[in-house]
N, C-alpha and C. Protein backbone atom coordinates (compact mmCIF):
# COMPACT_ATOMS: atom_id res chain seq x y z
N MET A 1 81.19 17.70 3.07
CA MET A 1 82.36 17.91 2.13
C MET A 1 83.12 19.46 2.71
N ASP A 2 83.97 19.41 2.55
CA ASP A 2 85.04 20.35 2.93
C ASP A 2 84.73 21.49 1.95
N ILE A 3 84.54 22.74 1.86
CA ILE A 3 83.89 23.66 0.87
C ILE A 3 85.28 24.64 0.59
N THR A 4 86.10 24.86 1.62
CA THR A 4 87.35 25.42 1.50
C THR A 4 88.19 25.60 0.12
N ASP A 5 88.19 26.59 -0.07
CA ASP A 5 88.90 26.54 -1.83
C ASP A 5 88.33 25.87 -2.88
N ARG A 6 86.91 25.66 -2.97
CA ARG A 6 86.29 24.95 -3.93
C ARG A 6 85.43 26.25 -4.84
N ILE A 7 85.38 25.51 -5.95
CA ILE A 7 84.46 26.45 -6.86
C ILE A 7 83.06 25.85 -7.16
N ALA A 8 82.23 26.36 -7.05
CA ALA A 8 80.71 26.13 -7.14
C ALA A 8 79.86 26.93 -7.99
N VAL A 9 78.99 26.34 -8.59
CA VAL A 9 77.71 26.75 -9.70
C VAL A 9 76.57 26.77 -8.76
N ILE A 10 75.52 27.64 -8.48
CA ILE A 10 74.33 27.17 -7.83
C ILE A 10 73.37 28.01 -8.81
N THR A 11 72.31 26.98 -9.30
CA THR A 11 71.07 27.45 -10.32
C THR A 11 70.26 27.85 -9.22
N GLY A 12 69.44 28.89 -9.50
CA GLY A 12 68.19 29.54 -8.55
C GLY A 12 68.92 30.14 -7.87
N ALA A 13 70.16 31.08 -7.86
CA ALA A 13 70.43 31.91 -6.80
C ALA A 13 70.29 33.31 -6.78
N GLY A 14 69.38 33.62 -7.54
CA GLY A 14 68.94 35.04 -7.17
C GLY A 14 67.89 35.07 -6.38
N SER A 15 67.68 34.39 -5.53
CA SER A 15 66.86 34.51 -4.01
C SER A 15 66.89 33.27 -3.40
N GLY A 16 66.07 33.11 -2.02
CA GLY A 16 65.86 32.26 -1.47
C GLY A 16 66.71 30.92 -1.21
N ILE A 17 66.72 29.89 -1.18
CA ILE A 17 67.55 28.95 -0.87
C ILE A 17 68.89 28.91 -1.64
N GLY A 18 68.84 29.35 -2.86
CA GLY A 18 70.09 29.55 -3.92
C GLY A 18 70.93 30.43 -3.50
N ARG A 19 70.11 31.49 -2.94
CA ARG A 19 71.01 32.78 -2.71
C ARG A 19 71.67 32.52 -0.87
N ALA A 20 71.13 31.83 -0.40
CA ALA A 20 71.56 31.36 0.93
C ALA A 20 72.53 30.49 1.03
N LEU A 21 72.57 29.41 -0.03
CA LEU A 21 73.43 28.71 -0.21
C LEU A 21 74.67 29.39 -0.87
N ALA A 22 74.82 30.17 -1.59
CA ALA A 22 75.77 31.04 -2.18
C ALA A 22 76.37 32.01 -1.02
N LYS A 23 75.61 32.21 -0.03
CA LYS A 23 76.49 33.24 0.94
C LYS A 23 76.95 32.11 2.03
N ARG A 24 76.59 31.15 2.51
CA ARG A 24 76.81 30.30 3.13
C ARG A 24 78.53 29.52 2.55
N MET A 25 78.19 29.15 1.70
CA MET A 25 79.65 28.55 0.76
C MET A 25 80.64 29.50 0.90
N ILE A 26 80.62 30.89 0.74
CA ILE A 26 81.47 31.83 0.74
C ILE A 26 81.84 32.18 2.03
N ASP A 27 80.92 32.07 3.50
CA ASP A 27 81.22 31.81 4.30
C ASP A 27 82.28 30.60 5.01
N ARG A 28 81.88 29.64 4.33
CA ARG A 28 82.54 28.60 4.60
C ARG A 28 84.16 28.08 4.05
N GLY A 29 84.32 29.28 3.16
CA GLY A 29 85.80 29.46 2.38
C GLY A 29 85.77 28.90 1.02
N ALA A 30 84.38 28.76 0.40
CA ALA A 30 84.84 28.72 -0.96
C ALA A 30 85.60 30.00 -1.73
N ARG A 31 86.40 29.04 -2.73
CA ARG A 31 87.06 29.95 -3.48
C ARG A 31 86.46 30.78 -4.49
N HIS A 32 85.19 30.44 -5.04
CA HIS A 32 84.25 31.52 -6.13
C HIS A 32 83.01 30.44 -6.07
N VAL A 33 81.71 31.47 -6.36
CA VAL A 33 80.59 30.59 -6.39
C VAL A 33 80.17 31.47 -7.84
N VAL A 34 79.38 30.69 -8.49
CA VAL A 34 78.92 31.67 -9.63
C VAL A 34 77.39 31.08 -9.25
N ALA A 35 76.71 32.40 -9.26
CA ALA A 35 75.32 32.33 -8.87
C ALA A 35 74.46 32.38 -9.99
N THR A 36 73.40 31.43 -10.50
CA THR A 36 73.08 31.49 -11.84
C THR A 36 71.51 31.81 -11.57
N ASP A 37 70.85 32.40 -12.22
CA ASP A 37 69.64 32.64 -12.18
C ASP A 37 68.81 32.78 -13.57
N LEU A 38 67.34 32.54 -13.81
CA LEU A 38 66.62 32.93 -14.86
C LEU A 38 66.68 34.52 -15.09
N ASP A 39 66.37 35.16 -14.04
CA ASP A 39 66.43 36.45 -14.27
C ASP A 39 67.93 37.09 -13.45
N ALA A 40 68.76 37.71 -14.62
CA ALA A 40 70.22 38.18 -14.46
C ALA A 40 70.34 39.19 -13.32
N ALA A 41 69.17 40.21 -13.25
CA ALA A 41 69.14 41.00 -12.23
C ALA A 41 69.35 40.18 -10.81
N ASN A 42 68.70 39.62 -10.70
CA ASN A 42 68.38 38.62 -9.09
C ASN A 42 70.04 38.04 -8.94
N ALA A 43 70.28 37.38 -10.17
CA ALA A 43 71.99 36.79 -9.99
C ALA A 43 72.36 38.00 -9.69
N ALA A 44 72.68 39.17 -10.37
CA ALA A 44 73.61 40.19 -9.99
C ALA A 44 73.49 40.71 -8.62
N GLU A 45 72.24 40.82 -8.06
CA GLU A 45 71.75 41.27 -6.66
C GLU A 45 72.56 40.35 -5.86
N THR A 46 72.50 38.99 -5.82
CA THR A 46 73.07 38.19 -5.08
C THR A 46 74.64 38.32 -5.11
N ALA A 47 75.12 38.29 -6.22
CA ALA A 47 76.74 38.62 -6.08
C ALA A 47 76.88 39.95 -5.64
N ALA A 48 76.27 40.94 -5.91
CA ALA A 48 76.50 42.25 -4.70
C ALA A 48 76.40 42.32 -3.71
N MET A 49 75.34 41.45 -3.23
CA MET A 49 75.27 41.32 -1.85
C MET A 49 76.52 40.79 -0.95
N ILE A 50 77.02 39.37 -1.71
CA ILE A 50 77.76 38.63 -0.93
C ILE A 50 79.19 38.77 -1.35
N GLY A 51 79.51 39.41 -2.28
CA GLY A 51 80.99 40.09 -2.75
C GLY A 51 81.54 39.66 -3.86
N ASP A 52 82.92 40.07 -3.98
CA ASP A 52 83.50 39.76 -4.91
C ASP A 52 84.08 38.30 -5.52
N LYS A 53 83.68 37.48 -4.55
CA LYS A 53 84.09 35.84 -4.74
C LYS A 53 82.62 35.64 -5.52
N VAL A 54 81.74 36.38 -5.55
CA VAL A 54 80.69 35.69 -6.60
C VAL A 54 80.37 36.14 -7.63
N THR A 55 80.20 35.74 -8.96
CA THR A 55 79.56 36.05 -10.00
C THR A 55 78.17 35.86 -10.55
N GLY A 56 77.52 36.67 -10.71
CA GLY A 56 75.89 36.35 -11.00
C GLY A 56 75.71 36.41 -12.58
N CYS A 57 75.11 35.39 -12.88
CA CYS A 57 74.78 35.74 -14.28
C CYS A 57 73.62 34.64 -14.85
N ALA A 58 72.76 34.98 -16.04
CA ALA A 58 71.46 34.56 -16.38
C ALA A 58 71.61 33.12 -16.71
N LEU A 59 71.05 32.24 -16.56
CA LEU A 59 71.20 30.93 -16.85
C LEU A 59 69.36 30.60 -17.43
N ASP A 60 69.08 29.82 -18.00
CA ASP A 60 67.79 28.98 -18.12
C ASP A 60 68.26 27.57 -18.26
N VAL A 61 67.71 27.01 -17.07
CA VAL A 61 68.25 25.61 -16.55
C VAL A 61 67.68 24.83 -17.80
N GLY A 62 66.54 24.89 -18.45
CA GLY A 62 65.72 24.60 -19.45
C GLY A 62 66.25 24.18 -20.70
N ASP A 63 67.61 24.90 -20.71
CA ASP A 63 68.37 24.88 -21.98
C ASP A 63 69.83 24.05 -21.68
N GLU A 64 69.59 23.07 -22.11
CA GLU A 64 71.03 22.20 -21.97
C GLU A 64 72.17 22.91 -22.81
N ALA A 65 71.89 23.17 -23.99
CA ALA A 65 73.15 24.17 -24.46
C ALA A 65 73.70 24.97 -23.62
N ALA A 66 72.48 25.91 -23.07
CA ALA A 66 73.17 26.84 -21.76
C ALA A 66 74.18 26.27 -20.67
N ILE A 67 73.71 25.28 -20.30
CA ILE A 67 74.08 24.92 -19.16
C ILE A 67 75.60 24.32 -19.52
N GLU A 68 75.63 23.56 -20.71
CA GLU A 68 76.93 23.27 -20.94
C GLU A 68 77.86 24.25 -21.50
N ALA A 69 77.62 25.44 -21.82
CA ALA A 69 78.00 26.52 -22.28
C ALA A 69 78.69 27.55 -20.79
N LEU A 70 77.62 27.49 -19.83
CA LEU A 70 78.19 27.96 -18.63
C LEU A 70 79.28 27.06 -17.95
N VAL A 71 79.00 25.91 -18.01
CA VAL A 71 80.25 24.98 -17.49
C VAL A 71 81.80 25.35 -17.90
N ALA A 72 81.57 25.21 -19.41
CA ALA A 72 82.87 25.41 -20.49
C ALA A 72 83.42 26.82 -19.80
N ASP A 73 82.71 27.88 -19.87
CA ASP A 73 82.95 29.17 -19.73
C ASP A 73 83.71 29.10 -18.09
N VAL A 74 83.00 28.75 -17.09
CA VAL A 74 83.33 28.71 -15.54
C VAL A 74 84.96 28.13 -15.57
N GLU A 75 85.11 26.90 -16.43
CA GLU A 75 86.03 26.15 -16.13
C GLU A 75 87.24 26.73 -17.04
N SER A 76 86.91 27.38 -17.81
CA SER A 76 88.10 28.10 -18.70
C SER A 76 88.52 29.37 -17.93
N ASN A 77 87.50 30.11 -17.25
CA ASN A 77 87.97 31.41 -16.98
C ASN A 77 88.01 31.66 -15.07
N ILE A 78 87.42 30.52 -14.68
CA ILE A 78 87.65 30.60 -13.17
C ILE A 78 88.37 29.45 -12.43
N GLY A 79 87.86 27.95 -13.05
CA GLY A 79 88.44 26.95 -12.57
C GLY A 79 87.76 25.63 -12.58
N GLY A 80 87.96 24.55 -12.53
CA GLY A 80 87.28 23.40 -12.33
C GLY A 80 85.87 23.47 -11.32
N ILE A 81 84.85 23.37 -12.11
CA ILE A 81 83.67 23.07 -10.84
C ILE A 81 83.93 22.08 -9.91
N ASP A 82 84.00 22.32 -8.55
CA ASP A 82 83.82 21.12 -7.48
C ASP A 82 82.55 20.67 -7.13
N ILE A 83 81.49 21.68 -7.17
CA ILE A 83 79.98 21.57 -6.53
C ILE A 83 79.24 22.06 -7.49
N PHE A 84 78.28 21.41 -8.12
CA PHE A 84 77.41 22.12 -9.16
C PHE A 84 75.67 21.73 -8.00
N VAL A 85 75.43 22.93 -7.69
CA VAL A 85 73.84 22.83 -7.07
C VAL A 85 72.71 23.19 -7.96
N SER A 86 72.06 21.91 -8.05
CA SER A 86 70.92 22.30 -9.08
C SER A 86 69.61 22.76 -8.12
N ASN A 87 69.42 24.01 -8.27
CA ASN A 87 68.55 24.48 -7.17
C ASN A 87 67.23 25.14 -7.76
N ALA A 88 67.38 25.51 -8.68
CA ALA A 88 66.20 26.33 -9.89
C ALA A 88 65.28 25.18 -9.52
N GLY A 89 63.99 26.31 -9.69
CA GLY A 89 62.57 25.46 -9.48
C GLY A 89 61.79 26.25 -9.21
N TYR A 90 60.34 26.01 -9.60
CA TYR A 90 59.38 26.91 -9.39
C TYR A 90 57.89 26.19 -9.11
N GLY A 91 56.88 26.84 -8.94
CA GLY A 91 55.30 26.00 -8.49
C GLY A 91 54.57 26.56 -9.29
N GLN A 92 53.44 25.23 -9.59
CA GLN A 92 52.37 25.42 -10.57
C GLN A 92 51.50 24.51 -10.02
N SER A 93 49.95 24.83 -9.68
CA SER A 93 49.22 24.14 -9.34
C SER A 93 48.71 23.83 -10.48
N GLY A 94 47.91 22.45 -10.15
CA GLY A 94 47.19 21.92 -11.18
C GLY A 94 47.83 20.37 -11.31
N GLY A 95 46.81 19.47 -12.05
CA GLY A 95 47.06 18.22 -12.57
C GLY A 95 46.59 17.88 -13.84
N LEU A 96 45.92 17.06 -13.56
CA LEU A 96 45.04 16.33 -15.25
C LEU A 96 44.98 17.21 -16.13
N GLU A 97 44.25 18.58 -15.75
CA GLU A 97 43.92 19.41 -16.67
C GLU A 97 45.14 20.43 -17.05
N LEU A 98 46.17 20.27 -16.84
CA LEU A 98 47.22 21.10 -17.04
C LEU A 98 47.72 20.45 -18.69
N SER A 99 48.17 21.28 -19.28
CA SER A 99 48.77 20.78 -20.55
C SER A 99 49.88 19.99 -20.55
N THR A 100 50.19 19.16 -21.67
CA THR A 100 51.27 18.43 -21.48
C THR A 100 52.57 19.25 -21.59
N GLU A 101 52.64 20.24 -22.15
CA GLU A 101 53.55 21.45 -22.26
C GLU A 101 54.10 21.86 -20.67
N ASP A 102 52.98 21.96 -19.60
CA ASP A 102 52.87 22.40 -18.33
C ASP A 102 53.81 21.73 -17.64
N TRP A 103 53.35 20.17 -17.68
CA TRP A 103 53.96 19.11 -17.46
C TRP A 103 55.44 18.97 -17.69
N GLN A 104 55.86 19.10 -19.06
CA GLN A 104 57.04 18.82 -19.61
C GLN A 104 57.88 20.17 -19.05
N LYS A 105 57.69 21.34 -18.85
CA LYS A 105 58.37 22.45 -18.34
C LYS A 105 58.73 22.28 -17.21
N MET A 106 58.00 21.69 -16.30
CA MET A 106 58.43 21.43 -15.26
C MET A 106 59.14 20.38 -15.14
N MET A 107 59.02 19.17 -15.59
CA MET A 107 60.14 18.37 -15.78
C MET A 107 61.28 18.78 -15.94
N THR A 108 61.42 19.49 -16.76
CA THR A 108 62.76 20.23 -17.53
C THR A 108 63.33 20.83 -16.59
N VAL A 109 62.45 21.83 -15.85
CA VAL A 109 63.63 22.36 -14.86
C VAL A 109 63.72 21.79 -13.77
N HIS A 110 62.86 21.01 -13.39
CA HIS A 110 62.95 20.05 -11.77
C HIS A 110 63.82 18.92 -12.20
N THR A 111 63.93 18.25 -13.23
CA THR A 111 64.64 16.91 -13.38
C THR A 111 65.61 17.00 -14.68
N TRP A 112 65.16 17.41 -15.90
CA TRP A 112 65.91 17.44 -16.79
C TRP A 112 67.58 18.34 -16.90
N SER A 113 67.35 19.44 -16.04
CA SER A 113 68.37 20.28 -15.99
C SER A 113 68.96 19.73 -14.80
N HIS A 114 68.80 18.62 -14.03
CA HIS A 114 70.10 18.09 -13.10
C HIS A 114 70.77 16.81 -14.13
N LEU A 115 69.93 16.54 -14.81
CA LEU A 115 70.71 15.45 -15.81
C LEU A 115 71.49 16.04 -16.90
N SER A 116 71.05 17.33 -17.26
CA SER A 116 72.15 18.34 -17.95
C SER A 116 73.27 18.43 -17.26
N ALA A 117 73.30 18.76 -16.13
CA ALA A 117 74.10 19.64 -15.02
C ALA A 117 75.10 18.45 -15.23
N ALA A 118 74.60 17.30 -14.64
CA ALA A 118 75.45 15.94 -14.37
C ALA A 118 76.17 15.78 -15.81
N ARG A 119 75.42 15.65 -16.73
CA ARG A 119 76.34 15.59 -17.99
C ARG A 119 77.31 16.43 -18.40
N ALA A 120 77.13 18.07 -17.83
CA ALA A 120 78.35 18.59 -18.11
C ALA A 120 79.29 18.89 -17.15
N VAL A 121 79.21 18.57 -16.21
CA VAL A 121 80.37 18.53 -14.87
C VAL A 121 80.90 17.42 -14.44
N ILE A 122 80.56 16.07 -14.54
CA ILE A 122 80.87 14.82 -13.96
C ILE A 122 82.00 14.41 -14.87
N PRO A 123 82.09 14.48 -16.15
CA PRO A 123 83.49 14.11 -16.54
C PRO A 123 84.70 14.85 -16.15
N GLY A 124 84.66 16.08 -16.06
CA GLY A 124 85.34 16.80 -15.63
C GLY A 124 85.94 16.61 -14.01
N MET A 125 84.89 16.53 -13.44
CA MET A 125 85.13 16.11 -11.99
C MET A 125 85.78 14.68 -11.66
N ILE A 126 85.36 13.71 -12.55
CA ILE A 126 86.29 12.58 -12.46
C ILE A 126 87.49 12.68 -12.77
N SER A 127 87.86 13.43 -13.98
CA SER A 127 89.36 13.94 -14.44
C SER A 127 90.13 14.57 -13.46
N ARG A 128 89.68 15.31 -12.43
CA ARG A 128 90.17 15.92 -11.14
C ARG A 128 90.24 15.28 -10.03
N GLY A 129 89.53 14.38 -10.19
CA GLY A 129 89.44 13.35 -8.73
C GLY A 129 88.44 13.40 -7.92
N GLY A 130 87.15 13.87 -8.36
CA GLY A 130 85.93 13.88 -7.45
C GLY A 130 85.32 15.28 -7.89
N GLY A 131 84.04 15.45 -7.12
CA GLY A 131 83.22 16.64 -6.97
C GLY A 131 81.94 16.35 -6.27
N TYR A 132 80.99 17.31 -6.39
CA TYR A 132 79.99 16.89 -5.61
C TYR A 132 78.45 17.39 -6.50
N LEU A 133 77.42 17.05 -6.42
CA LEU A 133 76.24 17.29 -7.04
C LEU A 133 75.36 17.58 -5.60
N LEU A 134 74.75 18.67 -5.64
CA LEU A 134 73.59 19.04 -4.76
C LEU A 134 72.59 19.26 -5.47
N SER A 135 71.11 18.45 -5.16
CA SER A 135 69.96 18.98 -5.83
C SER A 135 68.87 19.28 -5.09
N THR A 136 68.25 20.33 -4.99
CA THR A 136 67.45 20.72 -4.33
C THR A 136 65.98 20.25 -4.95
N ALA A 137 65.40 19.35 -4.17
CA ALA A 137 64.14 18.77 -4.36
C ALA A 137 62.93 19.22 -3.76
N SER A 138 62.61 18.58 -2.84
CA SER A 138 61.56 18.94 -1.63
C SER A 138 60.76 17.93 -0.83
N ALA A 139 60.36 18.31 0.07
CA ALA A 139 59.71 17.03 0.66
C ALA A 139 58.44 16.74 -0.19
N ALA A 140 58.18 17.41 -1.37
CA ALA A 140 57.34 16.69 -2.44
C ALA A 140 57.92 15.68 -2.93
N GLY A 141 59.44 15.58 -3.28
CA GLY A 141 60.15 14.30 -3.88
C GLY A 141 60.03 13.34 -2.99
N LEU A 142 59.74 13.27 -1.58
CA LEU A 142 59.51 12.21 -0.70
C LEU A 142 57.96 11.83 -0.69
N LEU A 143 57.23 12.51 -0.34
CA LEU A 143 56.00 12.57 -0.07
C LEU A 143 55.09 12.64 -1.81
N THR A 144 54.64 13.80 -1.62
CA THR A 144 53.73 14.58 -2.76
C THR A 144 53.23 15.74 -2.54
N GLN A 145 53.06 16.55 -3.54
CA GLN A 145 52.60 17.85 -3.42
C GLN A 145 51.11 17.87 -3.95
N ILE A 146 49.78 17.76 -2.98
CA ILE A 146 48.51 17.45 -3.00
C ILE A 146 48.00 18.24 -4.30
N ASP A 147 48.63 19.59 -4.57
CA ASP A 147 48.03 20.66 -5.16
C ASP A 147 48.76 20.55 -6.81
N SER A 148 49.71 19.96 -6.85
CA SER A 148 50.43 20.02 -7.90
C SER A 148 51.13 18.57 -8.63
N GLY A 149 50.40 18.10 -9.63
CA GLY A 149 50.75 17.03 -10.12
C GLY A 149 52.36 16.66 -10.61
N PRO A 150 52.42 17.92 -11.33
CA PRO A 150 53.86 17.80 -12.09
C PRO A 150 55.16 18.09 -10.94
N TYR A 151 54.58 18.92 -10.21
CA TYR A 151 55.70 19.31 -9.13
C TYR A 151 56.22 18.18 -8.40
N ALA A 152 55.00 17.00 -7.95
CA ALA A 152 55.29 16.10 -7.18
C ALA A 152 55.93 15.12 -7.98
N VAL A 153 56.11 14.90 -9.17
CA VAL A 153 56.57 13.87 -10.04
C VAL A 153 57.64 14.44 -10.34
N SER A 154 58.20 15.66 -10.80
CA SER A 154 59.21 16.11 -11.15
C SER A 154 60.41 16.14 -10.04
N LYS A 155 59.70 16.33 -9.07
CA LYS A 155 60.68 16.21 -7.54
C LYS A 155 61.11 14.85 -7.13
N HIS A 156 60.14 13.98 -7.21
CA HIS A 156 60.27 12.63 -6.97
C HIS A 156 61.47 11.97 -8.37
N ALA A 157 61.48 12.35 -9.36
CA ALA A 157 62.17 12.21 -10.32
C ALA A 157 63.89 12.63 -9.99
N ALA A 158 63.74 13.74 -9.20
CA ALA A 158 65.01 14.49 -9.16
C ALA A 158 65.77 13.70 -7.79
N VAL A 159 64.75 13.35 -7.11
CA VAL A 159 65.65 12.74 -5.97
C VAL A 159 65.88 11.49 -6.22
N ALA A 160 65.15 10.69 -7.27
CA ALA A 160 65.79 9.03 -7.83
C ALA A 160 66.85 9.59 -8.71
N PHE A 161 66.89 10.50 -9.48
CA PHE A 161 68.05 10.41 -10.40
C PHE A 161 69.62 10.89 -9.33
N ALA A 162 69.62 11.68 -8.72
CA ALA A 162 70.31 11.86 -7.34
C ALA A 162 70.93 10.48 -6.93
N GLU A 163 70.10 10.03 -6.57
CA GLU A 163 70.36 8.81 -5.54
C GLU A 163 70.81 7.82 -6.81
N TRP A 164 70.49 7.63 -8.23
CA TRP A 164 70.89 6.92 -9.18
C TRP A 164 72.67 7.67 -9.07
N VAL A 165 72.92 8.90 -9.46
CA VAL A 165 74.11 9.51 -9.52
C VAL A 165 74.87 8.90 -8.63
N SER A 166 74.72 9.10 -7.14
CA SER A 166 75.15 8.58 -5.94
C SER A 166 75.60 7.31 -5.95
N ILE A 167 75.07 6.43 -6.63
CA ILE A 167 75.42 4.91 -6.53
C ILE A 167 76.54 4.64 -7.57
N ASN A 168 75.90 5.17 -8.46
CA ASN A 168 76.91 4.81 -9.98
C ASN A 168 78.33 5.44 -9.82
N TYR A 169 78.41 6.68 -9.31
CA TYR A 169 79.88 7.63 -9.75
C TYR A 169 80.19 7.73 -8.12
N ALA A 170 80.11 6.98 -7.17
CA ALA A 170 80.48 6.92 -6.00
C ALA A 170 82.09 6.51 -5.87
N GLU A 171 82.42 5.64 -6.36
CA GLU A 171 83.35 4.93 -6.49
C GLU A 171 84.57 5.73 -7.27
N GLN A 172 83.97 6.85 -8.48
CA GLN A 172 84.76 7.83 -9.20
C GLN A 172 85.13 9.05 -8.65
N GLY A 173 84.68 9.06 -7.10
CA GLY A 173 84.72 10.43 -6.26
C GLY A 173 83.54 11.32 -6.40
N ILE A 174 82.59 10.71 -6.82
CA ILE A 174 81.12 11.66 -7.03
C ILE A 174 80.22 11.86 -6.13
N GLY A 175 80.10 12.66 -5.41
CA GLY A 175 79.02 12.61 -4.17
C GLY A 175 77.80 13.14 -4.53
N ALA A 176 76.67 12.70 -4.21
CA ALA A 176 75.41 13.44 -4.69
C ALA A 176 74.60 13.67 -3.20
N SER A 177 73.60 14.79 -3.00
CA SER A 177 72.79 14.55 -2.19
C SER A 177 71.69 15.49 -2.49
N VAL A 178 70.51 15.07 -1.73
CA VAL A 178 69.08 16.04 -2.02
C VAL A 178 68.99 16.62 -0.74
N LEU A 179 68.61 18.18 -1.19
CA LEU A 179 68.15 19.16 -0.18
C LEU A 179 66.22 19.00 -0.40
N CYS A 180 65.63 18.25 0.51
CA CYS A 180 64.00 18.48 0.88
C CYS A 180 63.65 19.39 1.53
N PRO A 181 63.55 20.59 1.31
CA PRO A 181 63.05 21.34 2.32
C PRO A 181 61.61 21.19 2.50
N GLN A 182 60.84 21.77 3.76
CA GLN A 182 59.71 21.79 4.01
C GLN A 182 59.35 21.35 5.33
């Protein structure tokens, strides 16, 4: 996808892959990147490191209403979102001994947040003629994560969701890819 003059939102952009993606998008000609992170200071640090074409802000991807509000704010104040990168994530070891809440939190961050983002951005993308969703999963989404059941399951679900979006929205100009590092 040509990134020139595009507006992107990246979750989990306060460090690591998200920060690198924000920098790379600006280097490749993006008009603006909104770098979000659960930690507002980390998001602000990303923006300060890259420059004035990046806005840093706090976002809890586990809060669907917060994602909807962010999308509405970006579209009102910066412009239509062309690329949404669902990159936020975390690790936690364990399996059956973990509480249901631990499993649910990982599913919320690694899977349901991708659904929330898609619901928030796809209608606008379709009305503007297209857009792109990039989801960071993991090699664990293709294979497994031996030391973490909820990580493996949630990452598999993220891969499956992106594949479903790609198939069901391609004819409406929506692209989807999954980044599976390791």
